[in-house]
Amino acid sequence: MTHPIITVEHLGKYYKLGRSPEKYQSLRDTLAGQVRRMRRGLVGKRRTSPSLDEGFWALDDLSFSIQQGDRIGVIGRNGAGKSTLLKILSRITEPTRGEIRIRGRVASLLEVGTGFHPELTGRENIYLNGAVLGMGKAEIRRKFDEIVAFAEVERFLDTPVKRYSSGMYVRLAFSVAAHLEPEILIVDEVLAVGDAQFQNKCLGKMKNVSQSGRTVLFVSHNMAAIRQLCNTGILLKQGQLATSGTIDEVISHYLQSVPKGFTFAGKTSPHGITLTNAAILDAQTHKPLHAITFDRDYSLQLNFQAEQPITNTAVVVRIYDSVGTLVSSLCTPEEGIAPFLLKDNTEIKFYLPHLSLYPGKYTASVFVYRSSDPAVYLEAEEAFGFEVHPAIINDAMWAYRPDHGIVRISSGGQVHRSENNNLALVAVSQSTK
């Protein structure tokens, strides 16, 4: 029986809020402290800042184990404790309680340029970073050309890295961490920085690292990237382990969780119509989701209750992005649903094949009308909300990023290249999805 390469037992990390008293203070700090104390005396019992004793557990009684060669996706919303966990595993910070056992050399890329000295050149930082990871000079020299070629910084190799752009910085930092053959590679949101080509290179390199038997811990809010790279996952919620298992199971659990402000808000109209439920359902499992993935199949289910029957009813759903722009609408007549009788409990379902909303946060408002009647019989503004996550299709994650717009125009195409020259003619035809 093999021993886990990483074992975490009852891990906890506590942070204090407010200012911590320093043993030694400068004259400026002493005067500032006197002013703060005088102010507290003026405001009486009203306190505007947390006391020294207040704090929170970023991680609380966290336990799990990782086997060699596992590709672990660490998932959770902002503030769940993901970055704190990686900093402890990377020995950047100490835990408040609990125990961690790591068998092997760890390389970390937690933020742009982790471990780099700004005054040193790119060449010098490669050797410095390798030495920190425990590499010998001969080992670093053997990998040097491969590191530089991957980072694409040949022209600036002897320039201090403080003059690098953020993209150059992160390319070199990732290249060093990935090529110096650590047993464990820890990466936090590296795909959020850099251009499209580099993001795909990172993903491919991490695949190669994991396939060589080394262990990868990958934190990202990009569920498509995590699904493609990782085989197992852990879901953190408020510093605790919510669930662990196969990556598909963990992502499914995460997508079903309710983000803050996205809960369903039912509403009753003066006409006695109540929107009792609104949910986006997975096309296969039919489970309600609050976060969905671009280009997958879903359905939108609406449930109404009417005190009195209403004839010739039509339902409209308007979808808005995070800044309030009307992105799209769903309307029962346009979807081939004839005006209907709304009475008792009525369910309406819209099918959403290959959802084409780009990644981001959206809200939806629901309206009930009668044909040939301008009056609104139900007006449920911001009835529910949902998130759309990116997807990787045909190994191209760059084509589905939020900065590419709001809605994707679906099309198919073929490339025809002339034999006589380098001219490529692209014939685009409407997709038959």
Protein backbone atom coordinates (compact mmCIF):
# COMPACT_ATOMS: atom_id res chain seq x y z
CA MET A 1 0.00 0.00 0.00
CA THR A 2 1.48 3.34 -1.08
CA HIS A 3 1.58 6.26 1.31
CA PRO A 4 -0.15 9.52 0.28
CA ILE A 5 2.19 12.17 -1.08
CA ILE A 6 0.22 14.84 0.87
CA THR A 7 -1.67 14.25 4.11
CA VAL A 8 -3.66 17.01 5.82
CA GLU A 9 -5.14 16.33 9.25
CA HIS A 10 -7.40 18.69 11.21
CA LEU A 11 -5.82 21.73 9.60
CA GLY A 12 -6.85 25.16 10.88
CA LYS A 13 -5.70 28.69 10.15
CA TYR A 14 -6.90 31.61 12.29
CA TYR A 15 -6.50 35.26 11.36
CA LYS A 16 -6.99 38.19 13.72
CA LEU A 17 -8.82 41.28 12.57
CA GLY A 18 -7.77 44.82 13.40
CA ARG A 19 -4.35 46.02 14.48
CA SER A 20 -1.97 43.80 16.43
CA PRO A 21 0.09 45.51 19.17
CA GLU A 22 3.77 45.81 18.29
CA LYS A 23 6.46 45.29 20.89
CA TYR A 24 8.49 48.21 19.56
CA GLN A 25 6.96 51.31 18.00
CA SER A 26 8.31 54.41 16.32
CA LEU A 27 7.44 57.92 17.52
CA ARG A 28 5.00 58.23 14.60
CA ASP A 29 3.23 54.98 15.62
CA THR A 30 3.04 56.14 19.24
CA LEU A 31 1.48 59.49 18.28
CA ALA A 32 -0.97 57.76 15.93
CA GLY A 33 -1.96 55.41 18.75
CA GLN A 34 -2.60 58.36 21.09
CA VAL A 35 -4.86 59.98 18.47
CA ARG A 36 -6.83 56.75 18.03
CA ARG A 37 -7.29 56.40 21.80
CA MET A 38 -8.46 60.02 22.08
CA ARG A 39 -10.94 59.41 19.27
CA ARG A 40 -12.31 56.31 20.97
CA GLY A 41 -12.80 58.38 24.11
CA LEU A 42 -14.81 60.96 22.12
CA VAL A 43 -17.13 58.47 20.47
CA GLY A 44 -17.91 56.71 23.74
CA LYS A 45 -19.11 53.15 23.38
CA ARG A 46 -19.49 53.29 19.61
CA ARG A 47 -16.76 51.21 18.02
CA THR A 48 -15.86 51.54 14.37
CA SER A 49 -13.10 48.92 14.14
CA PRO A 50 -12.79 45.30 15.25
CA SER A 51 -11.10 44.53 18.55
CA LEU A 52 -7.79 42.74 18.77
CA ASP A 53 -9.55 39.57 19.94
CA GLU A 54 -11.85 39.34 16.92
CA GLY A 55 -10.91 37.11 14.02
CA PHE A 56 -12.00 34.28 11.76
CA TRP A 57 -10.97 30.76 10.76
CA ALA A 58 -9.85 30.79 7.12
CA LEU A 59 -9.49 27.01 7.42
CA ASP A 60 -11.29 24.97 10.07
CA ASP A 61 -10.64 21.27 10.82
CA LEU A 62 -9.70 20.38 7.25
CA SER A 63 -8.58 16.79 6.55
CA PHE A 64 -7.81 14.97 3.27
CA SER A 65 -5.04 13.01 1.53
CA ILE A 66 -3.59 13.06 -1.99
CA GLN A 67 -1.90 10.17 -3.79
CA GLN A 68 1.13 10.53 -6.04
CA GLY A 69 0.13 11.37 -9.61
CA ASP A 70 -3.27 12.79 -8.65
CA ARG A 71 -4.45 15.90 -10.45
CA ILE A 72 -6.48 17.74 -7.82
CA GLY A 73 -8.83 20.59 -8.61
CA VAL A 74 -9.37 22.80 -5.56
CA ILE A 75 -12.76 24.46 -5.98
CA GLY A 76 -14.71 26.98 -3.93
CA ARG A 77 -16.11 30.48 -4.01
CA ASN A 78 -14.13 33.55 -3.00
CA GLY A 79 -13.24 33.37 0.68
CA ALA A 80 -13.59 29.59 0.88
CA GLY A 81 -9.94 29.17 1.96
CA LYS A 82 -8.36 27.91 -1.28
CA SER A 83 -5.42 30.34 -1.39
CA THR A 84 -4.79 29.95 2.34
CA LEU A 85 -4.57 26.19 1.90
CA LEU A 86 -2.07 26.51 -0.95
CA LYS A 87 0.07 28.97 1.02
CA ILE A 88 0.27 26.51 3.91
CA LEU A 89 1.13 23.62 1.58
CA SER A 90 3.81 25.82 -0.01
CA ARG A 91 5.22 26.65 3.47
CA ILE A 92 4.62 30.37 2.93
CA THR A 93 2.56 30.58 6.12
CA GLU A 94 2.21 28.36 9.17
CA PRO A 95 -1.06 26.70 10.24
CA THR A 96 -2.64 27.62 13.55
CA ARG A 97 -3.33 23.99 14.31
CA GLY A 98 -3.31 20.61 12.63
CA GLU A 99 -0.65 18.68 10.76
CA ILE A 100 0.60 18.44 7.17
CA ARG A 101 2.90 15.71 5.83
CA ILE A 102 4.42 16.20 2.36
CA ARG A 103 6.63 13.62 0.64
CA GLY A 104 8.48 15.32 -2.17
CA ARG A 105 9.71 18.62 -3.53
CA VAL A 106 7.08 21.35 -3.98
CA ALA A 107 7.03 24.07 -6.64
CA SER A 108 4.40 26.80 -6.27
CA LEU A 109 2.99 29.46 -8.53
CA LEU A 110 0.50 31.29 -6.35
CA GLU A 111 0.69 34.73 -7.95
CA VAL A 112 2.59 36.55 -10.65
CA GLY A 113 6.33 36.27 -10.09
CA THR A 114 6.25 34.27 -6.86
CA GLY A 115 9.81 33.97 -5.55
CA PHE A 116 11.36 36.35 -8.08
CA HIS A 117 13.70 39.18 -7.11
CA PRO A 118 12.76 42.31 -9.08
CA GLU A 119 16.34 43.64 -9.30
CA LEU A 120 17.72 40.43 -10.81
CA THR A 121 17.54 39.57 -14.50
CA GLY A 122 15.40 36.82 -15.93
CA ARG A 123 18.49 34.62 -16.29
CA GLU A 124 19.50 35.16 -12.66
CA ASN A 125 15.98 34.55 -11.38
CA ILE A 126 15.84 31.18 -13.16
CA TYR A 127 18.93 30.05 -11.25
CA LEU A 128 17.70 31.63 -8.01
CA ASN A 129 14.29 29.98 -8.25
CA GLY A 130 15.84 26.64 -9.10
CA ALA A 131 18.17 26.85 -6.12
CA VAL A 132 15.22 27.62 -3.83
CA LEU A 133 13.52 24.47 -5.16
CA GLY A 134 16.63 22.45 -4.30
CA MET A 135 18.01 22.09 -7.82
CA GLY A 136 21.71 21.90 -8.55
CA LYS A 137 23.34 24.24 -11.05
CA ALA A 138 23.89 21.42 -13.54
CA GLU A 139 20.24 20.41 -13.36
CA ILE A 140 19.09 24.01 -13.93
CA ARG A 141 21.54 24.43 -16.83
CA ARG A 142 20.16 21.29 -18.47
CA LYS A 143 16.61 22.69 -18.38
CA PHE A 144 17.56 26.33 -19.03
CA ASP A 145 16.94 26.52 -22.80
CA GLU A 146 13.60 24.72 -22.48
CA ILE A 147 12.47 27.15 -19.76
CA VAL A 148 13.41 30.21 -21.82
CA ALA A 149 11.79 28.88 -25.00
CA PHE A 150 8.52 28.12 -23.21
CA ALA A 151 8.43 31.58 -21.57
CA GLU A 152 9.26 33.36 -24.85
CA VAL A 153 11.47 35.95 -23.14
CA GLU A 154 14.76 35.36 -25.04
CA ARG A 155 15.23 39.03 -25.96
CA PHE A 156 14.74 40.19 -22.36
CA LEU A 157 16.64 37.43 -20.57
CA ASP A 158 19.34 39.81 -19.26
CA THR A 159 16.89 42.57 -18.31
CA PRO A 160 15.82 43.00 -14.64
CA VAL A 161 12.40 41.43 -14.22
CA LYS A 162 11.05 44.60 -12.60
CA ARG A 163 10.87 45.94 -16.16
CA TYR A 164 8.86 42.96 -17.41
CA SER A 165 5.18 43.26 -18.23
CA SER A 166 2.81 41.19 -16.09
CA GLY A 167 2.43 38.73 -18.97
CA MET A 168 6.21 38.23 -19.32
CA TYR A 169 6.53 37.95 -15.56
CA VAL A 170 3.98 35.18 -15.23
CA ARG A 171 5.24 33.32 -18.32
CA LEU A 172 8.72 33.07 -16.87
CA ALA A 173 7.48 32.24 -13.37
CA PHE A 174 5.25 29.44 -14.62
CA SER A 175 7.95 28.10 -16.92
CA VAL A 176 10.47 27.83 -14.07
CA ALA A 177 7.96 26.16 -11.73
CA ALA A 178 6.78 23.65 -14.34
CA HIS A 179 10.13 22.68 -15.91
CA LEU A 180 12.29 22.09 -12.84
CA GLU A 181 10.56 18.75 -12.21
CA PRO A 182 9.12 19.05 -8.70
CA GLU A 183 7.21 16.07 -7.34
CA ILE A 184 4.33 18.43 -6.49
CA LEU A 185 3.24 21.43 -8.58
CA ILE A 186 0.86 23.93 -6.95
CA VAL A 187 -0.81 26.45 -9.27
CA ASP A 188 -3.30 29.15 -8.25
CA GLU A 189 -5.31 30.84 -11.04
CA VAL A 190 -2.38 31.07 -13.47
CA LEU A 191 -4.84 30.85 -16.36
CA ALA A 192 -6.37 34.17 -15.31
CA VAL A 193 -3.20 35.98 -16.47
CA GLY A 194 -1.57 36.02 -19.86
CA ASP A 195 -2.74 35.87 -23.44
CA ALA A 196 -4.77 33.12 -25.07
CA GLN A 197 -1.82 31.25 -26.52
CA PHE A 198 -0.02 31.18 -23.18
CA GLN A 199 -3.10 29.95 -21.35
CA ASN A 200 -3.35 26.97 -23.67
CA LYS A 201 0.39 26.29 -23.30
CA CYS A 202 0.02 26.31 -19.50
CA LEU A 203 -2.81 23.84 -19.65
CA GLY A 204 -0.86 21.53 -21.96
CA LYS A 205 2.25 21.73 -19.78
CA MET A 206 0.32 20.89 -16.62
CA LYS A 207 -1.14 17.87 -18.43
CA ASN A 208 2.36 16.70 -19.31
CA VAL A 209 3.52 17.22 -15.72
CA SER A 210 0.66 15.13 -14.34
CA GLN A 211 1.06 12.38 -16.96
CA SER A 212 4.70 11.97 -15.92
CA GLY A 213 3.55 10.77 -12.50
CA ARG A 214 3.92 14.06 -10.63
CA THR A 215 1.15 15.59 -8.54
CA VAL A 216 -0.69 18.79 -9.51
CA LEU A 217 -2.91 20.94 -7.27
CA PHE A 218 -4.80 23.43 -9.41
CA VAL A 219 -7.02 26.24 -8.13
CA SER A 220 -9.25 28.02 -10.64
CA HIS A 221 -12.74 29.44 -11.07
CA ASN A 222 -12.66 28.12 -14.63
CA MET A 223 -14.59 24.86 -14.34
CA ALA A 224 -13.82 23.93 -17.94
CA ALA A 225 -10.06 24.11 -17.34
CA ILE A 226 -10.37 22.14 -14.10
CA ARG A 227 -12.54 19.48 -15.75
CA GLN A 228 -10.03 19.07 -18.58
CA LEU A 229 -6.92 18.94 -16.39
CA CYS A 230 -7.97 17.26 -13.13
CA ASN A 231 -9.22 13.77 -12.32
CA THR A 232 -10.24 14.38 -8.70
CA GLY A 233 -11.31 17.43 -6.73
CA ILE A 234 -12.05 18.89 -3.34
CA LEU A 235 -14.69 21.54 -2.67
CA LEU A 236 -14.08 24.05 0.12
CA LYS A 237 -16.83 26.03 1.77
CA GLN A 238 -16.10 28.59 4.49
CA GLY A 239 -12.78 26.92 5.30
CA GLN A 240 -14.18 23.41 5.58
CA LEU A 241 -14.25 20.40 3.28
CA ALA A 242 -17.70 20.34 1.66
CA THR A 243 -17.07 17.29 -0.52
CA SER A 244 -14.36 15.37 -2.40
CA GLY A 245 -14.36 12.76 -5.17
CA THR A 246 -14.13 12.60 -8.93
CA ILE A 247 -13.84 15.96 -10.62
CA ASP A 248 -17.25 15.66 -12.30
CA GLU A 249 -18.93 14.91 -8.94
CA VAL A 250 -17.23 17.85 -7.21
CA ILE A 251 -17.99 20.30 -10.04
CA SER A 252 -21.62 19.17 -10.09
CA HIS A 253 -21.86 19.79 -6.33
CA TYR A 254 -20.28 23.22 -6.76
CA LEU A 255 -22.59 24.25 -9.59
CA GLN A 256 -25.63 23.32 -7.52
CA SER A 257 -24.56 25.53 -4.60
CA VAL A 258 -26.37 28.85 -4.28
CA PRO A 259 -24.16 31.94 -4.65
CA LYS A 260 -24.95 34.96 -2.53
CA GLY A 261 -27.76 37.03 -4.02
CA PHE A 262 -28.77 34.32 -6.51
CA THR A 263 -31.56 32.75 -4.49
CA PHE A 264 -35.00 32.49 -6.07
CA ALA A 265 -37.29 35.38 -5.10
CA GLY A 266 -40.93 34.44 -5.70
CA LYS A 267 -43.53 37.14 -6.15
CA THR A 268 -47.33 37.38 -6.12
CA SER A 269 -49.15 39.87 -8.35
CA PRO A 270 -52.39 41.78 -7.57
CA HIS A 271 -54.07 39.46 -10.09
CA GLY A 272 -53.46 36.48 -7.81
CA ILE A 273 -50.61 34.92 -9.86
CA THR A 274 -47.60 33.63 -7.94
CA LEU A 275 -44.27 32.59 -9.43
CA THR A 276 -43.59 29.67 -7.10
CA ASN A 277 -40.37 28.40 -8.67
CA ALA A 278 -37.77 29.36 -11.28
CA ALA A 279 -34.75 27.18 -11.97
CA ILE A 280 -32.27 26.22 -14.66
CA LEU A 281 -32.06 22.43 -14.90
CA ASP A 282 -29.32 20.16 -16.15
CA ALA A 283 -30.55 18.52 -19.36
CA GLN A 284 -29.46 15.05 -18.25
CA THR A 285 -29.89 14.94 -14.46
CA HIS A 286 -32.76 17.50 -14.35
CA LYS A 287 -31.24 18.91 -11.14
CA PRO A 288 -31.51 22.67 -10.51
CA LEU A 289 -28.28 24.61 -11.03
CA HIS A 290 -27.14 28.10 -10.07
CA ALA A 291 -23.97 27.97 -12.17
CA ILE A 292 -23.85 26.51 -15.66
CA THR A 293 -21.29 25.96 -18.40
CA PHE A 294 -21.15 27.60 -21.80
CA ASP A 295 -22.33 25.52 -24.80
CA ARG A 296 -24.06 22.76 -22.77
CA ASP A 297 -27.72 21.77 -22.81
CA TYR A 298 -30.12 23.07 -20.15
CA SER A 299 -33.78 23.88 -19.62
CA LEU A 300 -35.52 26.69 -17.75
CA GLN A 301 -38.45 25.62 -15.58
CA LEU A 302 -41.06 28.09 -14.29
CA ASN A 303 -43.92 27.17 -11.96
CA PHE A 304 -46.96 29.39 -11.43
CA GLN A 305 -49.98 29.27 -9.15
CA ALA A 306 -53.15 31.20 -10.04
CA GLU A 307 -56.02 31.95 -7.68
CA GLN A 308 -58.36 32.51 -10.65
CA PRO A 309 -58.05 31.01 -14.17
CA ILE A 310 -56.55 33.38 -16.75
CA THR A 311 -57.04 32.67 -20.43
CA ASN A 312 -54.79 33.45 -23.43
CA THR A 313 -51.67 33.64 -21.25
CA ALA A 314 -48.14 34.30 -22.49
CA VAL A 315 -44.90 34.24 -20.48
CA VAL A 316 -41.80 36.32 -21.17
CA VAL A 317 -38.38 35.88 -19.55
CA ARG A 318 -35.83 38.69 -19.93
CA ILE A 319 -32.16 37.99 -19.21
CA TYR A 320 -29.82 40.79 -18.11
CA ASP A 321 -26.05 40.83 -17.65
CA SER A 322 -24.24 42.15 -14.56
CA VAL A 323 -24.50 45.81 -15.69
CA GLY A 324 -28.19 45.61 -16.55
CA THR A 325 -27.97 45.19 -20.32
CA LEU A 326 -30.85 43.21 -21.79
CA VAL A 327 -29.07 40.26 -23.36
CA SER A 328 -31.89 38.09 -24.59
CA SER A 329 -35.55 37.14 -24.08
CA LEU A 330 -37.63 33.99 -24.09
CA CYS A 331 -41.28 34.25 -25.07
CA THR A 332 -43.82 31.41 -25.15
CA PRO A 333 -45.41 32.37 -28.53
CA GLU A 334 -41.98 32.70 -30.17
CA GLU A 335 -41.04 29.27 -28.82
CA GLY A 336 -44.09 27.69 -30.37
CA ILE A 337 -46.19 27.61 -27.18
CA ALA A 338 -49.68 28.86 -28.02
CA PRO A 339 -51.57 31.12 -25.56
CA PHE A 340 -52.70 28.85 -22.75
CA LEU A 341 -54.98 28.70 -19.73
CA LEU A 342 -53.17 29.57 -16.52
CA LYS A 343 -54.89 28.02 -13.51
CA ASP A 344 -54.04 26.20 -10.29
CA ASN A 345 -50.43 24.95 -10.65
CA THR A 346 -48.94 25.44 -14.10
CA GLU A 347 -45.43 24.58 -15.30
CA ILE A 348 -43.64 26.15 -18.27
CA LYS A 349 -40.36 24.79 -19.59
CA PHE A 350 -38.01 26.42 -22.10
CA TYR A 351 -35.31 24.23 -23.66
CA LEU A 352 -31.85 25.82 -23.93
CA PRO A 353 -29.65 23.65 -26.19
CA HIS A 354 -26.00 24.69 -26.51
CA LEU A 355 -26.40 27.72 -24.24
CA SER A 356 -24.55 30.57 -25.95
CA LEU A 357 -24.27 33.16 -23.17
CA TYR A 358 -20.66 34.08 -22.55
CA PRO A 359 -19.19 33.63 -19.03
CA GLY A 360 -20.48 36.05 -16.42
CA LYS A 361 -23.30 36.70 -13.97
CA TYR A 362 -26.89 37.15 -15.13
CA THR A 363 -30.30 37.87 -13.66
CA ALA A 364 -33.68 37.00 -15.13
CA SER A 365 -37.06 38.72 -14.80
CA VAL A 366 -40.35 36.93 -15.46
CA PHE A 367 -43.54 38.51 -16.84
CA VAL A 368 -47.04 37.16 -17.48
CA TYR A 369 -49.26 38.79 -20.13
CA ARG A 370 -52.54 38.09 -21.87
CA SER A 371 -52.78 38.13 -25.65
CA SER A 372 -54.14 41.45 -27.01
CA ASP A 373 -53.96 42.94 -23.51
CA PRO A 374 -51.23 45.50 -22.68
CA ALA A 375 -51.61 44.92 -18.92
CA VAL A 376 -48.92 42.97 -17.06
CA TYR A 377 -50.48 40.26 -14.92
CA LEU A 378 -47.24 39.35 -13.16
CA GLU A 379 -44.02 41.35 -12.98
CA ALA A 380 -41.20 39.52 -11.15
CA GLU A 381 -38.09 41.66 -11.56
CA GLU A 382 -34.79 39.84 -10.90
CA ALA A 383 -36.67 36.70 -9.97
CA PHE A 384 -33.52 34.60 -10.02
CA GLY A 385 -29.86 34.72 -11.01
CA PHE A 386 -27.23 32.39 -12.39
CA GLU A 387 -23.59 32.24 -13.44
CA VAL A 388 -22.14 31.02 -16.73
CA HIS A 389 -18.69 29.42 -16.65
CA PRO A 390 -16.28 29.15 -19.60
CA ALA A 391 -15.87 26.02 -21.69
CA ILE A 392 -12.99 24.49 -23.60
CA ILE A 393 -14.07 23.34 -27.04
CA ASN A 394 -11.64 21.76 -29.51
CA ASP A 395 -8.81 22.57 -27.05
CA ALA A 396 -9.43 26.32 -27.48
CA MET A 397 -10.38 27.93 -24.18
CA TRP A 398 -9.46 31.41 -25.43
CA ALA A 399 -12.46 31.50 -27.75
CA TYR A 400 -14.94 31.43 -24.87
CA ARG A 401 -13.72 34.15 -22.53
CA PRO A 402 -15.90 36.94 -21.09
CA ASP A 403 -14.06 39.64 -23.03
CA HIS A 404 -15.29 38.16 -26.31
CA GLY A 405 -18.77 39.61 -25.91
CA ILE A 406 -22.13 38.55 -24.48
CA VAL A 407 -23.56 36.02 -26.93
CA ARG A 408 -21.73 33.70 -29.30
CA ILE A 409 -22.88 33.54 -32.92
CA SER A 410 -22.71 29.83 -33.66
CA SER A 411 -21.20 28.90 -37.01
CA GLY A 412 -19.19 26.19 -38.67
CA GLY A 413 -16.46 26.63 -41.21
CA GLN A 414 -13.85 25.02 -43.43
CA VAL A 415 -10.43 26.23 -44.51
CA HIS A 416 -9.45 25.88 -48.17
CA ARG A 417 -5.78 26.58 -48.92
CA SER A 418 -4.53 27.26 -52.43
CA GLU A 419 -1.71 25.05 -53.69
CA ASN A 420 -0.06 27.97 -55.50
CA ASN A 421 0.25 30.40 -52.60
CA ASN A 422 -0.36 30.80 -48.89
CA LEU A 423 -3.83 32.33 -49.26
CA ALA A 424 -6.40 30.62 -47.03
CA LEU A 425 -10.08 30.99 -47.97
CA VAL A 426 -12.52 30.40 -45.14
CA ALA A 427 -16.05 29.27 -46.00
CA VAL A 428 -18.47 29.79 -43.11
CA SER A 429 -21.82 28.05 -42.96
CA GLN A 430 -24.57 28.12 -40.37
CA SER A 431 -24.15 25.51 -37.67
CA THR A 432 -26.60 22.62 -37.55
CA LYS A 433 -26.31 22.22 -33.75
